[in-house]
Amino acid sequence: MTPRVEIVIDELVVRGFSPAEARLAAAALESRLTTLASEGDGAPRAREEEYRRLPSVEAKSPVQAGEAVAGAVWDEVAR
């Protein structure tokens, strides 16, 4: 059986984008996380806390924002 990683994001706050751009950022986030998970070399570390809050990211486009958030999430999960 292939290991499965489930990441649940309870809240994604997007500032400075229209609703359509925010949806694009969320789609880019999901797409990039899927790619990172499929390319991952090691298993994510065990969860030790109820939640994790990550620092803000800045980007010039919705896609860049989604990809930056995905990178921050994966770095936190996989380190």
N, C-alpha and C. Protein backbone atom coordinates (compact mmCIF):
# COMPACT_ATOMS: atom_id res chain seq x y z
N MET A 1 0.84 -1.19 0.00
CA MET A 1 0.00 0.00 0.00
C MET A 1 0.89 1.25 0.00
N THR A 2 0.56 2.20 -0.83
CA THR A 2 1.32 3.44 -0.93
C THR A 2 1.00 4.32 0.27
N PRO A 3 2.04 4.86 0.93
CA PRO A 3 1.77 5.77 2.05
C PRO A 3 0.95 6.97 1.59
N ARG A 4 0.12 7.45 2.45
CA ARG A 4 -0.76 8.56 2.12
C ARG A 4 -0.51 9.71 3.07
N VAL A 5 -0.45 10.90 2.55
CA VAL A 5 -0.28 12.11 3.34
C VAL A 5 -1.55 12.93 3.21
N GLU A 6 -2.11 13.31 4.33
CA GLU A 6 -3.30 14.17 4.30
C GLU A 6 -2.96 15.46 5.02
N ILE A 7 -3.08 16.57 4.33
CA ILE A 7 -2.85 17.89 4.90
C ILE A 7 -4.18 18.63 4.86
N VAL A 8 -4.61 19.08 6.03
CA VAL A 8 -5.87 19.81 6.13
C VAL A 8 -5.55 21.25 6.47
N ILE A 9 -6.00 22.15 5.65
CA ILE A 9 -5.80 23.58 5.90
C ILE A 9 -7.15 24.14 6.29
N ASP A 10 -7.26 24.51 7.56
CA ASP A 10 -8.53 25.01 8.08
C ASP A 10 -8.87 26.40 7.56
N GLU A 11 -7.85 27.21 7.39
CA GLU A 11 -8.11 28.58 6.97
C GLU A 11 -6.97 29.08 6.11
N LEU A 12 -7.30 29.66 4.99
CA LEU A 12 -6.33 30.26 4.09
C LEU A 12 -6.77 31.71 3.92
N VAL A 13 -6.00 32.63 4.46
CA VAL A 13 -6.32 34.06 4.38
C VAL A 13 -5.51 34.66 3.25
N VAL A 14 -6.21 35.22 2.28
CA VAL A 14 -5.56 35.81 1.12
C VAL A 14 -5.92 37.28 1.08
N ARG A 15 -4.91 38.12 1.08
CA ARG A 15 -5.13 39.57 1.04
C ARG A 15 -4.57 40.12 -0.28
N GLY A 16 -5.28 41.06 -0.85
CA GLY A 16 -4.79 41.75 -2.04
C GLY A 16 -5.19 41.12 -3.35
N PHE A 17 -5.95 40.04 -3.31
CA PHE A 17 -6.42 39.40 -4.53
C PHE A 17 -7.93 39.45 -4.58
N SER A 18 -8.46 39.46 -5.79
CA SER A 18 -9.90 39.36 -5.97
C SER A 18 -10.34 37.95 -5.59
N PRO A 19 -11.65 37.72 -5.44
CA PRO A 19 -12.11 36.36 -5.14
C PRO A 19 -11.64 35.33 -6.19
N ALA A 20 -11.67 35.70 -7.45
CA ALA A 20 -11.22 34.77 -8.51
C ALA A 20 -9.72 34.49 -8.37
N GLU A 21 -8.94 35.52 -8.07
CA GLU A 21 -7.50 35.33 -7.88
C GLU A 21 -7.21 34.48 -6.64
N ALA A 22 -8.00 34.67 -5.60
CA ALA A 22 -7.83 33.87 -4.38
C ALA A 22 -8.10 32.39 -4.67
N ARG A 23 -9.11 32.10 -5.49
CA ARG A 23 -9.39 30.71 -5.87
C ARG A 23 -8.24 30.14 -6.70
N LEU A 24 -7.66 30.97 -7.55
CA LEU A 24 -6.51 30.54 -8.35
C LEU A 24 -5.31 30.23 -7.44
N ALA A 25 -5.09 31.06 -6.43
CA ALA A 25 -4.01 30.81 -5.47
C ALA A 25 -4.25 29.50 -4.72
N ALA A 26 -5.48 29.26 -4.31
CA ALA A 26 -5.81 28.02 -3.59
C ALA A 26 -5.60 26.80 -4.50
N ALA A 27 -5.96 26.92 -5.75
CA ALA A 27 -5.76 25.81 -6.70
C ALA A 27 -4.27 25.55 -6.91
N ALA A 28 -3.47 26.62 -7.01
CA ALA A 28 -2.02 26.46 -7.16
C ALA A 28 -1.43 25.82 -5.92
N LEU A 29 -1.92 26.18 -4.76
CA LEU A 29 -1.48 25.58 -3.50
C LEU A 29 -1.72 24.07 -3.52
N GLU A 30 -2.93 23.68 -3.86
CA GLU A 30 -3.26 22.26 -3.89
C GLU A 30 -2.42 21.50 -4.92
N SER A 31 -2.26 22.09 -6.09
CA SER A 31 -1.49 21.44 -7.15
C SER A 31 -0.03 21.27 -6.74
N ARG A 32 0.56 22.31 -6.18
CA ARG A 32 1.97 22.23 -5.78
C ARG A 32 2.18 21.26 -4.63
N LEU A 33 1.26 21.24 -3.67
CA LEU A 33 1.38 20.28 -2.57
C LEU A 33 1.31 18.85 -3.08
N THR A 34 0.45 18.60 -4.04
CA THR A 34 0.33 17.27 -4.64
C THR A 34 1.65 16.88 -5.29
N THR A 35 2.26 17.80 -6.01
CA THR A 35 3.54 17.54 -6.65
C THR A 35 4.63 17.28 -5.61
N LEU A 36 4.70 18.13 -4.59
CA LEU A 36 5.72 17.95 -3.56
C LEU A 36 5.56 16.61 -2.84
N ALA A 37 4.33 16.24 -2.56
CA ALA A 37 4.09 14.97 -1.87
C ALA A 37 4.50 13.79 -2.74
N SER A 38 4.24 13.87 -4.02
CA SER A 38 4.58 12.75 -4.91
C SER A 38 6.08 12.65 -5.14
N GLU A 39 6.80 13.76 -4.99
CA GLU A 39 8.25 13.76 -5.19
C GLU A 39 9.01 13.55 -3.89
N GLY A 40 8.31 13.57 -2.77
CA GLY A 40 8.96 13.50 -1.46
C GLY A 40 9.83 12.27 -1.28
N ASP A 41 11.03 12.49 -0.74
CA ASP A 41 11.96 11.39 -0.52
C ASP A 41 11.68 10.65 0.79
N GLY A 42 11.31 11.38 1.81
CA GLY A 42 11.09 10.76 3.11
C GLY A 42 9.67 10.96 3.59
N ALA A 43 9.33 10.23 4.62
CA ALA A 43 7.99 10.36 5.19
C ALA A 43 7.93 11.63 6.03
N PRO A 44 6.80 12.30 6.04
CA PRO A 44 6.65 13.48 6.90
C PRO A 44 6.82 13.08 8.36
N ARG A 45 7.25 14.03 9.15
CA ARG A 45 7.44 13.74 10.57
C ARG A 45 6.08 13.59 11.25
N ALA A 46 6.10 12.88 12.36
CA ALA A 46 4.86 12.67 13.11
C ALA A 46 4.34 13.99 13.66
N ARG A 47 3.07 14.10 13.69
CA ARG A 47 2.42 15.30 14.21
C ARG A 47 2.52 15.31 15.73
N GLU A 48 3.01 16.41 16.26
CA GLU A 48 3.20 16.52 17.70
C GLU A 48 2.29 17.56 18.34
N GLU A 49 1.64 18.36 17.55
CA GLU A 49 0.81 19.42 18.08
C GLU A 49 -0.56 19.41 17.40
N GLU A 50 -1.48 20.15 17.99
CA GLU A 50 -2.83 20.20 17.43
C GLU A 50 -2.88 20.96 16.12
N TYR A 51 -2.09 22.00 16.01
CA TYR A 51 -2.09 22.80 14.79
C TYR A 51 -0.73 23.45 14.61
N ARG A 52 -0.50 23.95 13.42
CA ARG A 52 0.71 24.68 13.12
C ARG A 52 0.31 25.95 12.40
N ARG A 53 0.90 27.03 12.81
CA ARG A 53 0.67 28.29 12.12
C ARG A 53 1.99 28.67 11.45
N LEU A 54 1.93 28.91 10.17
CA LEU A 54 3.12 29.22 9.41
C LEU A 54 3.21 30.72 9.14
N PRO A 55 4.41 31.20 8.87
CA PRO A 55 4.56 32.63 8.59
C PRO A 55 3.89 33.02 7.28
N SER A 56 3.63 34.29 7.15
CA SER A 56 3.04 34.82 5.92
C SER A 56 4.02 34.70 4.77
N VAL A 57 3.48 34.65 3.57
CA VAL A 57 4.30 34.68 2.37
C VAL A 57 3.84 35.86 1.52
N GLU A 58 4.73 36.35 0.71
CA GLU A 58 4.39 37.43 -0.22
C GLU A 58 4.68 36.97 -1.64
N ALA A 59 3.82 37.36 -2.56
CA ALA A 59 4.00 36.98 -3.96
C ALA A 59 3.32 38.01 -4.84
N LYS A 60 3.74 38.06 -6.09
CA LYS A 60 3.19 39.04 -7.02
C LYS A 60 1.99 38.53 -7.80
N SER A 61 1.78 37.22 -7.80
CA SER A 61 0.65 36.66 -8.54
C SER A 61 -0.03 35.59 -7.69
N PRO A 62 -1.27 35.29 -8.02
CA PRO A 62 -1.97 34.24 -7.28
C PRO A 62 -1.26 32.89 -7.35
N VAL A 63 -0.75 32.54 -8.51
CA VAL A 63 -0.06 31.25 -8.66
C VAL A 63 1.20 31.24 -7.80
N GLN A 64 1.97 32.32 -7.83
CA GLN A 64 3.18 32.39 -7.00
C GLN A 64 2.82 32.31 -5.52
N ALA A 65 1.71 32.93 -5.13
CA ALA A 65 1.28 32.87 -3.73
C ALA A 65 0.94 31.44 -3.34
N GLY A 66 0.17 30.76 -4.17
CA GLY A 66 -0.19 29.38 -3.87
C GLY A 66 1.02 28.47 -3.79
N GLU A 67 1.95 28.65 -4.70
CA GLU A 67 3.16 27.82 -4.70
C GLU A 67 4.04 28.13 -3.49
N ALA A 68 4.12 29.40 -3.09
CA ALA A 68 4.92 29.77 -1.92
C ALA A 68 4.33 29.18 -0.64
N VAL A 69 3.02 29.21 -0.52
CA VAL A 69 2.36 28.62 0.64
C VAL A 69 2.59 27.12 0.66
N ALA A 70 2.45 26.48 -0.49
CA ALA A 70 2.68 25.03 -0.57
C ALA A 70 4.10 24.68 -0.13
N GLY A 71 5.07 25.45 -0.58
CA GLY A 71 6.45 25.21 -0.18
C GLY A 71 6.64 25.36 1.31
N ALA A 72 6.02 26.38 1.90
CA ALA A 72 6.13 26.59 3.35
C ALA A 72 5.47 25.45 4.12
N VAL A 73 4.32 25.01 3.66
CA VAL A 73 3.62 23.91 4.31
C VAL A 73 4.45 22.63 4.23
N TRP A 74 4.94 22.31 3.03
CA TRP A 74 5.70 21.08 2.86
C TRP A 74 7.00 21.12 3.65
N ASP A 75 7.68 22.26 3.67
CA ASP A 75 8.91 22.38 4.46
C ASP A 75 8.63 22.09 5.93
N GLU A 76 7.53 22.60 6.43
CA GLU A 76 7.18 22.38 7.85
C GLU A 76 6.81 20.93 8.13
N VAL A 77 6.11 20.31 7.22
CA VAL A 77 5.67 18.94 7.41
C VAL A 77 6.83 17.95 7.25
N ALA A 78 7.70 18.21 6.29
CA ALA A 78 8.73 17.24 5.93
C ALA A 78 10.06 17.42 6.67
N ARG A 79 10.22 18.48 7.41
CA ARG A 79 11.55 18.67 8.05
C ARG A 79 11.78 17.79 9.22
